[in-house]
Amino acid sequence: MSSSHAFVRFLVFGIALQAGLLFLIYENSKASRLLLIDLDFLENLKTEDCRWDETKRIKIGVHVKDRNRSTIDTTRFDVEFYDNPDGKDFLEFYEDGKRIIPKRFEARQIGNFKIPTNIQRFIEFYKRSKFVECLGLEMNRNKSQKANQNGPESARILARFRDELIDMEMYPLLNGGTLLGWYRECSVIPHTRDLDFSVFKEMYNPEYAEKILRNESAFRMSRILGQLEDSYEITVVSKKERRPKIDLFVMYDYVEGGKVIYRYIPGLKDDGSKYRYTHLLLEPSCAAEMHGHLFWILCNPIEQLKHEYGPLWYLDHPTSDFKWYSSANNVQKVGKFSKAEMKKYYLHFS
């Protein structure tokens, strides 16, 4: 059965069996920006399960501009107010402090009610929506220091890359120096030369690299390093701006005795030396804003930054003095590819 037919079938059953559950019952209501955000109810919708405990309230989003325009039956609906801010690529929900999700999701309009159509994607967005604020420290850099990146432009390019990954059902995390720049100064570190994302191994879709190589992406492949089993990363660059480069690392679980001890992302030197950057087992389901764009992050980023850069993580260090294979506190050398293996696992593209 197609997803479209399944959706219609659910609505027919839902309306017939539980009149009012998919429609808000407003008295004299003029509200028109209503959104179904109840993850349990959406799970039922996804599986075509029309059963619902009518004593349980359904969570809905109501636009802040409709806050005083409606009378809401709060015995049946759990209302969270949200905003759609101009110049930003996310919705803001005033729930549990604050939550943000990408605006970029499809929804069906049923009366004055929007229901997400790619339900699993919406669920993934909402699961990662808890907002964490950056510090915005003043770095007082030497004005003569060369800037390799412009913060707003780099964030815009990284958001485009994020969207391509989302389209392949990947939900990347800010990583390394890009995570540090966001948390410390709410921007990209201007003297760095690249941007860093990571994505969990179980989430990584190898078809994405093939898509880039088929010229079906707004990004060009710069290199592919390592093997997918334990050491994979790709580097891409925007076809339009041609800079900065963006590294996408696959993040792996390191398991001993059947237990995950830590996570890690890989590194590979041109002489075949293999490296691991260890990551703490922190909750990876929060969201951040950088120059009006949403990015996903660790919920307690300062712990990883201390682990990676030490107790003085908040101090600025010139990129020219930073050696990627030895400067970080969390890097380990773990082996070496042979010359024959390097021909397969160290690929650069012109």
Protein backbone atom coordinates (compact mmCIF):
# COMPACT_ATOMS: atom_id res chain seq x y z
CA MET A 1 0.00 0.00 0.00
CA SER A 2 1.38 3.44 -0.89
CA SER A 3 2.11 5.93 1.86
CA SER A 4 -0.52 8.25 0.34
CA HIS A 5 -3.22 5.56 0.49
CA ALA A 6 -2.17 4.61 4.01
CA PHE A 7 -2.43 8.22 5.09
CA VAL A 8 -5.94 8.58 3.65
CA ARG A 9 -7.03 5.30 5.19
CA PHE A 10 -5.84 6.40 8.61
CA LEU A 11 -7.69 9.69 8.35
CA VAL A 12 -10.90 7.94 7.33
CA PHE A 13 -10.69 5.54 10.27
CA GLY A 14 -9.50 8.23 12.64
CA ILE A 15 -12.34 10.56 11.80
CA ALA A 16 -14.94 7.83 11.86
CA LEU A 17 -13.80 6.25 15.12
CA GLN A 18 -12.57 9.29 17.00
CA ALA A 19 -14.24 12.40 15.71
CA GLY A 20 -12.20 15.40 16.62
CA LEU A 21 -8.88 13.70 17.32
CA LEU A 22 -7.29 14.90 14.11
CA PHE A 23 -9.08 18.25 14.13
CA LEU A 24 -8.86 20.82 16.86
CA ILE A 25 -12.18 21.63 18.44
CA TYR A 26 -12.12 25.36 18.84
CA GLU A 27 -14.99 27.55 19.91
CA ASN A 28 -15.16 30.61 17.65
CA SER A 29 -11.64 29.79 16.47
CA LYS A 30 -9.88 31.63 13.66
CA ALA A 31 -6.56 29.86 14.19
CA SER A 32 -4.95 28.62 10.99
CA ARG A 33 -1.39 27.61 11.97
CA LEU A 34 -1.90 24.35 13.83
CA LEU A 35 0.58 21.47 13.74
CA LEU A 36 0.35 17.90 15.01
CA ILE A 37 3.54 17.26 17.05
CA ASP A 38 2.51 14.34 19.26
CA LEU A 39 5.20 11.71 18.58
CA ASP A 40 3.14 8.80 19.94
CA PHE A 41 0.17 9.76 17.79
CA LEU A 42 2.45 10.18 14.76
CA GLU A 43 3.91 6.72 15.39
CA ASN A 44 0.37 5.33 15.29
CA LEU A 45 -0.25 7.19 12.07
CA LYS A 46 2.97 5.82 10.56
CA THR A 47 1.97 2.23 11.35
CA GLU A 48 -1.71 2.74 10.39
CA ASP A 49 -2.73 1.96 13.97
CA CYS A 50 -5.96 3.82 14.61
CA ARG A 51 -6.22 2.87 18.28
CA TRP A 52 -5.82 5.73 20.71
CA ASP A 53 -6.52 6.20 24.40
CA GLU A 54 -9.06 9.02 24.32
CA THR A 55 -8.17 9.96 27.91
CA LYS A 56 -4.66 10.83 26.75
CA ARG A 57 -4.09 14.39 25.56
CA ILE A 58 -2.69 14.93 22.07
CA LYS A 59 0.21 17.34 21.77
CA ILE A 60 -0.31 20.09 19.20
CA GLY A 61 1.59 23.17 18.11
CA VAL A 62 -0.24 26.49 17.95
CA HIS A 63 1.39 29.55 16.41
CA VAL A 64 2.10 32.29 18.94
CA LYS A 65 0.04 34.74 16.90
CA ASP A 66 -3.00 32.56 17.60
CA ARG A 67 -2.35 32.44 21.35
CA ASN A 68 -5.24 34.78 22.21
CA ARG A 69 -7.53 33.98 19.31
CA SER A 70 -8.80 30.56 20.36
CA THR A 71 -10.40 28.64 23.17
CA ILE A 72 -8.63 25.31 23.53
CA ASP A 73 -10.01 22.19 25.15
CA THR A 74 -6.98 21.47 27.35
CA THR A 75 -8.57 18.27 28.66
CA ARG A 76 -7.99 16.77 25.21
CA PHE A 77 -5.06 18.73 23.81
CA ASP A 78 -1.62 19.53 25.19
CA VAL A 79 -0.73 22.84 23.55
CA GLU A 80 2.81 24.00 22.81
CA PHE A 81 3.20 27.42 21.21
CA TYR A 82 5.65 27.90 18.37
CA ASP A 83 7.00 30.65 16.15
CA ASN A 84 8.21 30.77 12.55
CA PRO A 85 10.96 33.41 12.75
CA ASP A 86 11.97 35.28 9.61
CA GLY A 87 15.54 34.80 8.42
CA LYS A 88 15.95 31.47 10.20
CA ASP A 89 15.60 27.96 8.82
CA PHE A 90 13.86 26.50 11.87
CA LEU A 91 10.66 26.67 13.90
CA GLU A 92 10.92 27.56 17.60
CA PHE A 93 8.76 25.68 20.11
CA TYR A 94 8.40 27.06 23.64
CA GLU A 95 8.44 23.65 25.28
CA ASP A 96 10.86 22.36 27.90
CA GLY A 97 12.68 25.69 27.70
CA LYS A 98 12.98 25.81 23.93
CA ARG A 99 13.03 23.38 21.04
CA ILE A 100 13.89 24.01 17.40
CA ILE A 101 13.25 21.88 14.32
CA PRO A 102 13.99 22.51 10.64
CA LYS A 103 11.25 24.26 8.69
CA ARG A 104 12.08 21.95 5.82
CA PHE A 105 9.43 19.25 6.18
CA GLU A 106 6.35 18.43 4.14
CA ALA A 107 2.90 18.44 5.69
CA ARG A 108 -0.66 17.87 4.54
CA GLN A 109 -3.21 20.56 5.26
CA ILE A 110 -6.36 19.03 6.79
CA GLY A 111 -8.72 21.93 7.42
CA ASN A 112 -6.61 24.37 9.40
CA PHE A 113 -4.41 21.59 10.74
CA LYS A 114 -1.00 20.53 9.32
CA ILE A 115 0.10 16.90 9.66
CA PRO A 116 3.65 15.86 8.69
CA THR A 117 3.73 13.47 5.75
CA ASN A 118 7.28 12.15 6.14
CA ILE A 119 6.46 11.10 9.67
CA GLN A 120 9.74 9.39 10.52
CA ARG A 121 11.73 12.45 9.48
CA PHE A 122 9.56 14.73 11.59
CA ILE A 123 10.00 12.38 14.56
CA GLU A 124 13.78 12.46 14.05
CA PHE A 125 13.67 16.27 13.95
CA TYR A 126 11.67 16.51 17.16
CA LYS A 127 13.80 13.93 18.98
CA ARG A 128 16.80 16.18 18.32
CA SER A 129 15.13 19.49 19.10
CA LYS A 130 16.20 20.38 22.66
CA PHE A 131 17.89 23.79 22.29
CA VAL A 132 21.35 24.51 23.69
CA GLU A 133 22.72 28.05 23.71
CA CYS A 134 26.27 28.97 22.69
CA LEU A 135 28.48 31.12 24.94
CA GLY A 136 29.41 33.95 22.56
CA LEU A 137 32.79 34.65 24.12
CA GLU A 138 34.73 37.65 22.83
CA MET A 139 38.00 36.25 21.45
CA ASN A 140 39.93 39.52 20.96
CA ARG A 141 41.94 38.12 18.08
CA ASN A 142 44.85 39.92 16.47
CA LYS A 143 43.28 41.83 13.58
CA SER A 144 46.30 41.03 11.43
CA GLN A 145 45.50 37.31 11.69
CA LYS A 146 44.26 36.00 8.35
CA ALA A 147 40.61 34.95 8.19
CA ASN A 148 39.99 31.89 6.03
CA GLN A 149 36.23 31.78 6.60
CA ASN A 150 33.30 34.13 6.89
CA GLY A 151 30.97 32.86 9.61
CA PRO A 152 27.54 33.55 8.04
CA GLU A 153 28.64 32.29 4.60
CA SER A 154 30.19 29.10 6.01
CA ALA A 155 27.09 28.40 8.11
CA ARG A 156 24.92 28.84 5.02
CA ILE A 157 27.05 26.40 3.01
CA LEU A 158 27.11 23.89 5.88
CA ALA A 159 23.30 24.12 6.15
CA ARG A 160 22.99 23.24 2.45
CA PHE A 161 25.18 20.21 3.03
CA ARG A 162 23.08 19.31 6.09
CA ASP A 163 19.96 19.35 3.92
CA GLU A 164 21.49 16.94 1.42
CA LEU A 165 22.36 14.58 4.26
CA ILE A 166 18.85 14.83 5.69
CA ASP A 167 17.47 13.87 2.28
CA MET A 168 19.50 10.65 2.65
CA GLU A 169 18.08 10.15 6.20
CA MET A 170 21.32 11.20 7.90
CA TYR A 171 21.29 13.63 10.83
CA PRO A 172 24.84 15.04 11.24
CA LEU A 173 26.44 16.51 14.36
CA LEU A 174 28.80 19.46 14.55
CA ASN A 175 32.23 18.05 15.29
CA GLY A 176 35.76 19.07 16.26
CA GLY A 177 36.74 22.67 15.58
CA THR A 178 33.31 23.48 14.18
CA LEU A 179 31.66 22.39 17.44
CA LEU A 180 34.27 24.40 19.35
CA GLY A 181 33.66 27.53 17.26
CA TRP A 182 29.90 27.31 17.65
CA TYR A 183 29.97 26.76 21.43
CA ARG A 184 32.74 29.22 22.23
CA GLU A 185 31.89 32.10 19.91
CA CYS A 186 28.56 31.22 18.23
CA SER A 187 30.28 31.11 14.85
CA VAL A 188 32.93 29.42 12.76
CA ILE A 189 36.51 29.94 13.92
CA PRO A 190 37.66 32.36 11.21
CA HIS A 191 41.24 31.11 10.84
CA THR A 192 40.23 27.45 10.39
CA ARG A 193 40.23 26.06 6.86
CA ASP A 194 37.41 23.53 6.94
CA LEU A 195 34.15 22.51 8.59
CA ASP A 196 33.44 19.25 10.43
CA PHE A 197 30.38 17.02 10.61
CA SER A 198 30.04 13.50 11.98
CA VAL A 199 27.31 10.91 11.53
CA PHE A 200 26.83 7.62 13.34
CA LYS A 201 27.85 4.46 11.49
CA GLU A 202 24.36 2.95 11.72
CA MET A 203 22.94 6.10 10.13
CA TYR A 204 25.51 6.61 7.38
CA ASN A 205 24.18 5.98 3.86
CA PRO A 206 27.01 5.02 1.46
CA GLU A 207 24.77 5.87 -1.48
CA TYR A 208 25.43 9.55 -0.73
CA ALA A 209 29.06 9.34 -1.84
CA GLU A 210 27.90 7.64 -5.05
CA LYS A 211 25.38 10.41 -5.59
CA ILE A 212 28.14 13.03 -5.36
CA LEU A 213 30.37 11.08 -7.75
CA ARG A 214 27.45 10.88 -10.22
CA ASN A 215 27.30 14.69 -10.16
CA GLU A 216 23.85 14.66 -8.53
CA SER A 217 24.79 17.00 -5.70
CA ALA A 218 25.51 20.67 -5.12
CA PHE A 219 28.85 19.48 -3.72
CA ARG A 220 31.95 18.04 -5.37
CA MET A 221 33.92 15.15 -3.89
CA SER A 222 37.42 16.13 -2.78
CA ARG A 223 38.52 12.87 -1.17
CA ILE A 224 37.39 9.54 0.30
CA LEU A 225 39.51 8.10 3.09
CA GLY A 226 39.47 4.81 4.96
CA GLN A 227 37.14 1.83 4.89
CA LEU A 228 33.50 1.91 5.88
CA GLU A 229 33.90 -0.79 8.51
CA ASP A 230 35.98 1.31 10.89
CA SER A 231 37.72 4.37 9.40
CA TYR A 232 35.63 6.20 6.81
CA GLU A 233 35.42 9.89 6.00
CA ILE A 234 34.66 12.00 2.95
CA THR A 235 35.56 15.58 2.15
CA VAL A 236 33.36 17.71 -0.09
CA VAL A 237 33.35 21.27 -1.34
CA SER A 238 30.51 23.43 -2.63
CA LYS A 239 30.46 23.68 -6.42
CA LYS A 240 29.22 27.25 -6.14
CA GLU A 241 31.53 28.82 -3.55
CA ARG A 242 34.40 26.29 -3.90
CA ARG A 243 35.36 26.75 -0.26
CA PRO A 244 35.58 25.87 2.57
CA LYS A 245 36.04 22.12 2.49
CA ILE A 246 33.67 20.08 4.65
CA ASP A 247 34.73 16.83 6.32
CA LEU A 248 32.05 14.24 7.06
CA PHE A 249 33.34 11.64 9.51
CA VAL A 250 31.59 8.37 10.23
CA MET A 251 31.42 7.88 14.01
CA TYR A 252 31.94 4.38 15.36
CA ASP A 253 31.34 2.60 18.65
CA TYR A 254 34.40 1.06 20.30
CA VAL A 255 33.19 -2.10 22.00
CA GLU A 256 34.92 -4.26 24.61
CA GLY A 257 33.29 -7.22 26.30
CA GLY A 258 30.01 -6.45 24.58
CA LYS A 259 29.92 -2.93 26.03
CA VAL A 260 30.45 0.40 24.23
CA ILE A 261 33.46 2.01 25.91
CA TYR A 262 33.66 5.15 23.79
CA ARG A 263 32.85 6.48 20.34
CA TYR A 264 35.40 7.64 17.82
CA ILE A 265 35.91 9.27 14.44
CA PRO A 266 38.85 8.36 12.20
CA GLY A 267 41.85 10.13 10.71
CA LEU A 268 44.24 8.97 7.98
CA LYS A 269 47.67 10.40 7.19
CA ASP A 270 49.22 10.25 3.71
CA ASP A 271 51.83 7.74 4.92
CA GLY A 272 49.04 5.30 5.84
CA SER A 273 49.00 6.01 9.59
CA LYS A 274 45.53 5.53 11.08
CA TYR A 275 44.18 7.61 13.96
CA ARG A 276 41.15 7.70 16.20
CA TYR A 277 39.63 10.70 17.95
CA THR A 278 37.79 9.40 21.00
CA HIS A 279 34.40 10.80 21.94
CA LEU A 280 32.64 10.57 25.27
CA LEU A 281 29.31 8.75 25.48
CA LEU A 282 27.25 11.93 25.64
CA GLU A 283 23.63 12.42 24.63
CA PRO A 284 23.72 13.42 20.92
CA SER A 285 20.18 14.74 20.53
CA CYS A 286 20.21 18.51 20.96
CA ALA A 287 20.00 21.42 18.56
CA ALA A 288 21.82 24.72 18.15
CA GLU A 289 21.63 27.90 16.12
CA MET A 290 24.51 29.35 14.14
CA HIS A 291 23.86 32.46 12.03
CA GLY A 292 20.17 31.61 11.67
CA HIS A 293 20.73 27.94 10.79
CA LEU A 294 19.94 24.84 12.82
CA PHE A 295 22.65 22.30 13.54
CA TRP A 296 22.58 19.23 15.76
CA ILE A 297 25.02 18.88 18.62
CA LEU A 298 25.90 16.96 21.76
CA CYS A 299 23.64 18.00 24.63
CA ASN A 300 26.60 18.67 26.92
CA PRO A 301 29.20 19.95 24.44
CA ILE A 302 31.59 21.38 27.02
CA GLU A 303 32.45 17.89 28.29
CA GLN A 304 33.59 16.75 24.83
CA LEU A 305 35.47 20.01 24.27
CA LYS A 306 37.39 19.56 27.54
CA HIS A 307 38.10 15.95 26.54
CA GLU A 308 39.34 17.06 23.12
CA TYR A 309 41.11 20.38 23.80
CA GLY A 310 41.86 20.25 27.52
CA PRO A 311 40.91 22.56 30.42
CA LEU A 312 41.89 25.67 28.46
CA TRP A 313 39.58 24.83 25.56
CA TYR A 314 38.21 28.39 25.59
CA LEU A 315 41.55 29.92 24.52
CA ASP A 316 42.22 30.57 20.85
CA HIS A 317 45.11 28.78 19.13
CA PRO A 318 46.25 29.60 15.58
CA THR A 319 45.33 26.91 13.07
CA SER A 320 48.88 27.09 11.72
CA ASP A 321 50.11 25.71 15.09
CA PHE A 322 47.57 22.89 15.26
CA LYS A 323 48.58 19.43 13.95
CA TRP A 324 45.49 17.37 13.32
CA TYR A 325 47.27 14.06 14.08
CA SER A 326 48.88 15.05 17.40
CA SER A 327 47.62 18.35 18.90
CA ALA A 328 44.23 17.19 20.20
CA ASN A 329 44.08 15.47 23.58
CA ASN A 330 41.78 12.72 22.30
CA VAL A 331 43.81 11.41 19.34
CA GLN A 332 45.32 7.92 19.23
CA LYS A 333 47.44 6.25 16.57
CA VAL A 334 45.93 2.81 15.92
CA GLY A 335 47.76 1.24 13.02
CA LYS A 336 48.81 1.72 9.44
CA PHE A 337 47.52 0.82 6.00
CA SER A 338 49.93 -0.87 3.61
CA LYS A 339 50.88 0.80 0.33
CA ALA A 340 48.51 -1.55 -1.48
CA GLU A 341 45.66 -0.68 0.90
CA MET A 342 46.33 3.04 0.51
CA LYS A 343 45.54 2.73 -3.20
CA LYS A 344 42.02 1.73 -2.16
CA TYR A 345 41.57 3.82 0.98
CA TYR A 346 43.27 7.14 0.20
CA LEU A 347 41.42 8.56 -2.76
CA HIS A 348 41.71 12.18 -3.91
CA PHE A 349 39.65 13.73 -6.69
CA SER A 350 40.59 16.68 -8.86
